[in-house]
N, C-alpha and C. Protein backbone atom coordinates (compact mmCIF):
# COMPACT_ATOMS: atom_id res chain seq x y z
N MET A 1 0.49 -1.20 -0.08
CA MET A 1 0.25 -0.04 0.15
C MET A 1 0.88 1.24 -0.14
N ARG A 2 2.08 1.45 0.89
CA ARG A 2 2.63 2.36 1.20
C ARG A 2 3.30 2.41 -0.59
N ARG A 3 3.94 1.56 -0.98
CA ARG A 3 4.64 1.20 -2.07
C ARG A 3 4.02 2.05 -3.22
N SER A 4 2.30 1.93 -3.44
CA SER A 4 1.42 2.50 -3.79
C SER A 4 1.10 3.88 -4.26
N LEU A 5 1.46 4.36 -2.72
CA LEU A 5 1.22 5.73 -2.41
C LEU A 5 2.36 6.60 -3.71
N ASN A 6 3.79 5.79 -2.89
CA ASN A 6 4.74 6.61 -3.69
C ASN A 6 4.79 6.27 -4.82
N THR A 7 4.36 5.39 -5.69
CA THR A 7 4.39 5.75 -7.54
C THR A 7 3.16 6.29 -7.72
N GLN A 8 2.15 6.80 -7.18
CA GLN A 8 1.31 7.72 -7.41
C GLN A 8 2.20 9.59 -7.37
N HIS A 9 2.58 9.23 -6.29
CA HIS A 9 3.29 10.84 -5.86
C HIS A 9 4.49 11.10 -7.01
N VAL A 10 5.36 9.69 -7.46
CA VAL A 10 6.24 10.10 -8.57
C VAL A 10 5.21 10.61 -9.34
N ILE A 11 4.28 9.98 -10.17
CA ILE A 11 3.23 10.08 -11.24
C ILE A 11 3.28 11.42 -11.59
N PHE A 12 2.34 12.13 -10.56
CA PHE A 12 2.19 12.96 -10.43
C PHE A 12 2.98 14.38 -10.30
N THR A 13 4.29 13.84 -9.65
CA THR A 13 4.75 15.29 -9.82
C THR A 13 5.87 15.29 -10.96
N ALA A 14 5.77 13.62 -11.47
CA ALA A 14 6.68 14.02 -13.30
C ALA A 14 5.89 14.49 -14.05
N VAL A 15 4.07 14.14 -13.79
CA VAL A 15 3.00 14.73 -14.50
C VAL A 15 2.96 16.40 -14.49
N SER A 16 2.92 17.12 -13.42
CA SER A 16 3.23 18.55 -12.82
C SER A 16 4.41 19.07 -13.77
N LEU A 17 5.54 18.30 -13.57
CA LEU A 17 6.69 19.10 -14.07
C LEU A 17 7.10 19.25 -15.28
N ILE A 18 6.14 18.24 -16.13
CA ILE A 18 5.88 18.42 -17.91
C ILE A 18 4.87 19.55 -17.98
N LEU A 19 3.68 19.36 -17.33
CA LEU A 19 2.67 20.45 -17.41
C LEU A 19 3.23 21.92 -17.32
N PHE A 20 4.38 22.00 -16.40
CA PHE A 20 4.79 23.34 -15.82
C PHE A 20 5.43 23.25 -17.24
N SER A 21 6.73 22.25 -17.46
CA SER A 21 7.42 23.20 -18.67
C SER A 21 6.64 23.30 -19.90
N ILE A 22 5.70 22.90 -20.15
CA ILE A 22 4.94 23.18 -21.13
C ILE A 22 4.74 24.52 -21.20
N VAL A 23 3.57 24.90 -20.29
CA VAL A 23 3.45 26.45 -19.76
C VAL A 23 4.28 27.47 -20.03
N ILE A 24 5.34 27.25 -19.52
CA ILE A 24 7.06 27.73 -19.32
C ILE A 24 7.10 28.23 -21.35
N GLY A 25 7.42 27.40 -21.53
CA GLY A 25 8.36 26.94 -22.87
C GLY A 25 6.90 27.77 -24.19
N CYS A 26 5.94 27.80 -23.53
CA CYS A 26 4.70 28.10 -24.75
C CYS A 26 4.67 29.93 -24.03
N GLY A 27 4.93 29.72 -23.18
CA GLY A 27 5.40 31.48 -22.26
C GLY A 27 6.34 32.25 -23.49
N SER A 28 7.42 32.24 -23.57
CA SER A 28 8.31 32.05 -24.57
C SER A 28 8.08 33.01 -25.89
N ASN A 29 6.98 32.33 -26.65
CA ASN A 29 6.64 32.80 -27.81
C ASN A 29 5.52 33.88 -27.29
N ALA A 30 4.95 34.08 -25.97
CA ALA A 30 3.80 34.65 -26.00
C ALA A 30 3.74 36.41 -26.79
N ASP A 31 4.99 36.70 -26.33
CA ASP A 31 4.95 37.99 -26.91
C ASP A 31 6.20 38.33 -28.27
N LEU A 32 5.94 37.31 -29.44
CA LEU A 32 6.67 37.26 -30.53
C LEU A 32 6.76 39.17 -31.16
N ALA A 33 5.46 39.80 -31.40
CA ALA A 33 5.51 41.00 -31.89
C ALA A 33 6.96 41.93 -31.24
N THR A 34 7.16 41.69 -29.82
CA THR A 34 8.29 42.18 -28.96
C THR A 34 9.46 41.45 -29.56
N GLN A 35 9.51 40.47 -29.39
CA GLN A 35 10.86 39.54 -30.21
C GLN A 35 11.12 39.87 -31.87
N ILE A 36 10.76 40.38 -32.11
CA ILE A 36 10.75 40.95 -33.50
C ILE A 36 11.18 42.11 -33.73
N SER A 37 10.71 43.06 -33.18
CA SER A 37 10.57 44.21 -32.75
C SER A 37 12.56 44.49 -32.70
N GLY A 38 13.09 45.67 -33.28
CA GLY A 38 14.21 45.97 -33.84
C GLY A 38 14.81 46.24 -34.65
N LYS A 39 16.07 46.63 -34.76
CA LYS A 39 16.93 46.98 -36.25
C LYS A 39 17.16 45.79 -36.59
N TRP A 40 16.89 45.54 -38.28
CA TRP A 40 17.33 44.73 -38.71
C TRP A 40 18.09 45.06 -40.47
N LYS A 41 18.47 44.15 -40.99
CA LYS A 41 19.37 44.54 -42.21
C LYS A 41 18.96 43.37 -43.03
N PRO A 42 18.72 43.69 -44.52
CA PRO A 42 18.54 42.76 -45.32
C PRO A 42 20.06 41.73 -45.54
N LEU A 43 19.62 40.25 -45.60
CA LEU A 43 20.90 39.39 -45.47
C LEU A 43 21.41 39.75 -46.82
N GLN A 44 21.11 39.77 -48.09
CA GLN A 44 21.65 40.35 -49.15
C GLN A 44 21.15 42.28 -49.38
N GLY A 45 22.24 42.78 -49.69
CA GLY A 45 21.32 44.44 -50.04
C GLY A 45 21.97 45.01 -49.01
N GLU A 46 21.72 46.35 -49.16
CA GLU A 46 22.15 47.67 -47.98
C GLU A 46 20.54 47.97 -47.21
N GLY A 47 20.53 48.24 -46.42
CA GLY A 47 19.61 49.14 -45.74
C GLY A 47 19.16 48.67 -44.14
N ILE A 48 18.60 49.34 -43.58
CA ILE A 48 18.19 49.25 -42.64
C ILE A 48 15.76 48.75 -42.41
N VAL A 49 15.57 47.77 -41.36
CA VAL A 49 14.27 48.04 -41.37
C VAL A 49 14.26 47.75 -39.85
N ASP A 50 13.73 48.66 -39.84
CA ASP A 50 13.70 49.28 -37.88
C ASP A 50 11.93 48.77 -37.94
N ILE A 51 11.48 47.59 -37.03
CA ILE A 51 10.65 47.20 -36.53
C ILE A 51 9.81 47.37 -35.38
N ASN A 52 9.15 48.44 -34.64
CA ASN A 52 8.51 48.42 -34.20
C ASN A 52 6.91 48.32 -33.10
N LEU A 53 7.06 46.96 -33.22
CA LEU A 53 5.64 46.37 -32.52
C LEU A 53 5.44 46.17 -31.03
N ALA A 54 6.44 46.56 -30.43
CA ALA A 54 6.36 46.06 -28.82
C ALA A 54 5.56 47.36 -27.97
N LYS A 55 5.67 48.73 -28.72
CA LYS A 55 4.72 49.85 -27.79
C LYS A 55 4.28 50.59 -28.78
N GLU A 56 3.42 51.39 -28.63
CA GLU A 56 2.24 52.43 -28.92
C GLU A 56 3.47 53.48 -29.50
N PRO A 57 3.37 54.27 -30.20
CA PRO A 57 2.86 53.65 -31.40
C PRO A 57 3.63 52.78 -32.15
N LYS A 58 2.52 51.90 -33.38
CA LYS A 58 3.43 50.59 -33.77
C LYS A 58 3.71 51.11 -35.01
N SER A 59 5.31 50.98 -35.60
CA SER A 59 5.58 51.58 -36.99
C SER A 59 6.50 50.37 -37.35
N MET A 60 6.59 50.34 -38.81
CA MET A 60 7.59 49.67 -39.31
C MET A 60 8.21 51.15 -40.57
N THR A 61 9.83 50.77 -40.29
CA THR A 61 10.81 51.60 -41.28
C THR A 61 11.49 51.23 -42.10
N ILE A 62 11.00 51.53 -43.38
CA ILE A 62 12.09 50.51 -44.44
C ILE A 62 13.02 51.69 -45.06
N ASP A 63 14.07 51.14 -45.25
CA ASP A 63 15.04 52.71 -46.03
C ASP A 63 15.15 54.11 -45.65
N GLY A 64 14.35 54.75 -44.35
CA GLY A 64 13.63 55.69 -44.23
C GLY A 64 12.37 55.77 -44.63
N HIS A 65 11.66 55.03 -44.91
CA HIS A 65 10.43 55.09 -44.92
C HIS A 65 9.69 54.66 -43.93
N ALA A 66 9.06 55.23 -43.09
CA ALA A 66 8.12 55.36 -42.36
C ALA A 66 6.76 54.76 -42.50
N PHE A 67 5.83 53.33 -42.10
CA PHE A 67 4.67 53.38 -42.16
C PHE A 67 4.32 52.91 -40.52
N ASN A 68 3.05 53.32 -40.49
CA ASN A 68 2.16 53.29 -39.80
C ASN A 68 1.57 51.47 -39.64
N ALA A 69 1.56 50.86 -38.31
CA ALA A 69 1.51 49.34 -38.09
C ALA A 69 0.16 48.97 -37.65
N VAL A 70 -0.27 48.22 -37.70
CA VAL A 70 -1.37 47.73 -36.95
C VAL A 70 -0.96 46.00 -36.86
N VAL A 71 -0.80 45.06 -35.58
CA VAL A 71 -0.84 43.80 -35.88
C VAL A 71 -2.28 43.35 -36.24
N GLU A 72 -2.53 42.26 -37.59
CA GLU A 72 -3.67 42.29 -37.72
C GLU A 72 -3.56 40.98 -37.06
N ASN A 73 -2.68 39.56 -36.99
CA ASN A 73 -2.65 39.00 -36.66
C ASN A 73 -1.32 37.96 -35.79
N ILE A 74 -1.17 37.59 -34.82
CA ILE A 74 -0.17 36.56 -34.59
C ILE A 74 -0.42 35.24 -34.33
N ASP A 75 0.40 34.33 -34.93
CA ASP A 75 0.36 33.16 -35.29
C ASP A 75 1.53 32.11 -34.59
N LYS A 76 1.05 31.81 -33.19
CA LYS A 76 2.45 31.01 -32.48
C LYS A 76 3.18 30.14 -32.62
N GLY A 77 1.92 29.30 -33.42
CA GLY A 77 2.62 27.86 -34.59
C GLY A 77 3.24 28.26 -35.35
N SER A 78 3.31 28.96 -36.32
CA SER A 78 3.94 29.57 -37.02
C SER A 78 5.06 30.35 -37.06
N ASN A 79 5.27 31.29 -35.99
CA ASN A 79 5.97 32.41 -35.47
C ASN A 79 5.82 33.54 -36.39
N THR A 80 4.43 33.49 -37.25
CA THR A 80 4.50 34.64 -37.90
C THR A 80 3.54 35.94 -37.88
N VAL A 81 3.69 37.06 -37.53
CA VAL A 81 3.24 37.85 -37.07
C VAL A 81 2.52 39.10 -38.47
N GLN A 82 1.56 39.31 -38.75
CA GLN A 82 0.67 39.67 -39.99
C GLN A 82 0.32 41.22 -39.33
N VAL A 83 0.56 42.04 -40.19
CA VAL A 83 0.83 43.55 -40.14
C VAL A 83 0.21 44.86 -41.21
N ARG A 84 -0.77 45.13 -40.53
CA ARG A 84 -1.54 46.01 -41.70
C ARG A 84 -0.54 47.28 -41.77
N VAL A 85 -0.52 47.93 -43.10
CA VAL A 85 0.51 49.13 -43.09
C VAL A 85 -0.30 50.10 -44.18
N GLU A 86 0.15 51.22 -43.89
CA GLU A 86 -1.08 51.89 -45.02
C GLU A 86 0.70 52.36 -45.89
N THR A 87 0.60 52.22 -47.33
CA THR A 87 1.78 52.45 -48.16
C THR A 87 1.76 54.04 -48.54
N GLU A 88 3.18 54.65 -49.11
CA GLU A 88 2.80 56.11 -49.43
C GLU A 88 2.08 56.30 -50.24
N ALA A 89 1.27 55.76 -50.91
CA ALA A 89 0.57 55.72 -51.96
C ALA A 89 -0.72 55.69 -51.41
N GLY A 90 -1.06 55.54 -50.09
CA GLY A 90 -2.06 55.95 -49.52
C GLY A 90 -2.90 54.06 -49.45
N LYS A 91 -2.58 53.52 -50.56
CA LYS A 91 -2.82 51.77 -49.91
C LYS A 91 -2.63 51.43 -48.71
N THR A 92 -3.53 49.99 -48.59
CA THR A 92 -3.70 49.52 -47.22
C THR A 92 -3.06 48.24 -47.96
N GLU A 93 -2.02 47.11 -47.15
CA GLU A 93 -1.77 46.26 -47.44
C GLU A 93 -1.44 45.53 -46.27
N VAL A 94 -1.25 43.86 -46.25
CA VAL A 94 -1.28 43.01 -45.03
C VAL A 94 0.35 42.34 -45.52
N TRP A 95 1.48 43.06 -44.44
CA TRP A 95 2.46 42.43 -44.63
C TRP A 95 2.88 41.27 -43.74
N SER A 96 3.84 40.12 -43.94
CA SER A 96 4.12 38.97 -43.43
C SER A 96 5.24 39.06 -42.60
N ILE A 97 5.50 38.86 -41.42
CA ILE A 97 7.15 38.78 -40.92
C ILE A 97 6.92 37.40 -39.95
N HIS A 98 8.13 36.03 -40.53
CA HIS A 98 8.07 35.13 -40.06
C HIS A 98 9.40 34.96 -39.57
N GLN A 99 9.35 34.54 -38.41
CA GLN A 99 10.82 34.14 -37.75
C GLN A 99 11.10 32.91 -37.83
N VAL A 100 12.39 33.25 -38.12
CA VAL A 100 12.80 31.39 -38.59
C VAL A 100 14.39 31.44 -37.59
N TRP A 101 13.93 30.06 -36.77
CA TRP A 101 15.25 29.90 -35.35
C TRP A 101 16.08 29.07 -36.47
N ASN A 102 17.08 29.54 -35.60
CA ASN A 102 18.92 28.56 -36.35
C ASN A 102 18.35 26.85 -35.42
N ASP A 103 19.24 26.49 -35.82
CA ASP A 103 19.00 24.96 -35.97
C ASP A 103 19.11 24.35 -34.49
N ASN A 104 19.65 25.75 -33.45
CA ASN A 104 19.89 25.02 -32.29
C ASN A 104 19.20 26.12 -31.00
N GLY A 105 18.04 27.14 -32.05
CA GLY A 105 17.54 27.94 -31.04
C GLY A 105 17.71 28.51 -30.40
N SER A 106 19.55 29.04 -30.88
CA SER A 106 19.94 30.25 -30.10
C SER A 106 19.66 31.92 -30.84
N THR A 107 19.57 31.87 -31.80
CA THR A 107 19.16 33.14 -32.52
C THR A 107 18.27 32.93 -33.81
N PHE A 108 17.49 33.88 -34.51
CA PHE A 108 16.43 33.78 -35.68
C PHE A 108 17.18 34.92 -36.26
N LYS A 109 16.41 34.85 -37.74
CA LYS A 109 16.18 35.71 -38.77
C LYS A 109 14.90 35.93 -39.28
N LEU A 110 14.29 37.04 -39.89
CA LEU A 110 13.19 36.99 -40.00
C LEU A 110 12.77 37.06 -41.67
N ASN A 111 11.66 36.51 -42.03
CA ASN A 111 11.56 36.12 -43.81
C ASN A 111 10.39 37.91 -43.43
N LEU A 112 10.70 38.43 -44.18
CA LEU A 112 9.25 39.91 -44.48
C LEU A 112 9.17 39.75 -45.71
N ARG A 113 7.49 39.48 -45.75
CA ARG A 113 7.11 39.48 -47.47
C ARG A 113 6.07 41.11 -47.36
N HIS A 114 6.71 41.49 -48.49
CA HIS A 114 5.95 43.07 -48.83
C HIS A 114 6.24 43.38 -50.13
N ASN A 115 5.01 43.74 -50.71
CA ASN A 115 5.32 44.20 -51.93
C ASN A 115 5.84 43.18 -52.98
N GLY A 116 5.19 42.18 -52.74
CA GLY A 116 5.28 41.01 -53.57
C GLY A 116 6.54 40.16 -53.53
N THR A 117 7.17 40.59 -52.23
CA THR A 117 8.70 39.84 -52.04
C THR A 117 8.88 39.34 -50.80
N THR A 118 9.88 38.57 -50.66
CA THR A 118 10.38 38.12 -49.29
C THR A 118 11.65 38.74 -49.23
N GLU A 119 12.00 39.23 -47.86
CA GLU A 119 13.63 39.57 -47.89
C GLU A 119 14.18 38.80 -46.78
N THR A 120 14.84 38.15 -46.47
CA THR A 120 15.68 37.88 -45.12
C THR A 120 16.38 38.71 -44.45
N LEU A 121 16.29 38.66 -43.13
CA LEU A 121 16.56 40.09 -42.35
C LEU A 121 17.32 39.64 -41.04
N VAL A 122 18.60 39.82 -40.78
CA VAL A 122 19.58 39.37 -39.72
C VAL A 122 19.51 40.72 -38.82
N SER A 123 19.79 40.71 -37.43
CA SER A 123 19.54 41.77 -36.48
C SER A 123 21.11 42.18 -36.99
N VAL A 124 20.53 43.78 -36.66
CA VAL A 124 21.64 44.47 -36.91
C VAL A 124 22.98 44.15 -35.56
N GLY A 125 22.44 43.60 -34.30
CA GLY A 125 23.02 43.45 -33.15
C GLY A 125 23.54 42.11 -33.51
N HIS A 126 23.24 41.59 -34.04
CA HIS A 126 23.64 39.83 -34.42
C HIS A 126 24.59 39.63 -35.73
N SER A 127 24.86 40.94 -37.03
CA SER A 127 25.18 40.31 -37.96
C SER A 127 27.04 40.41 -37.96
């Protein structure tokens, strides 16, 4: 009887730790907009992309051209943020920013889809 209670206690503890790990792991993706905010540069080519989705007013600046930004959707499963911007011509577009982690999960790049193109961006601090 005593051994049965010990086994149940061990199983309960193991399940609790697993659930706790899942909650903590999901929490790391909870603020994807903050993770991708910062200064970025194209992997190929020149320029700076400044993404500010962490605080108001939300904006994106590409090569000195500023765009007001509204976060339309955050898909934590695919690490993608969709942002609605108004272009300089007054047209509304939805741009997609996809976070791509390296193999060991220590750093990431961004794939920015806008104007029919996809650019790979690297952090200015990590380039």
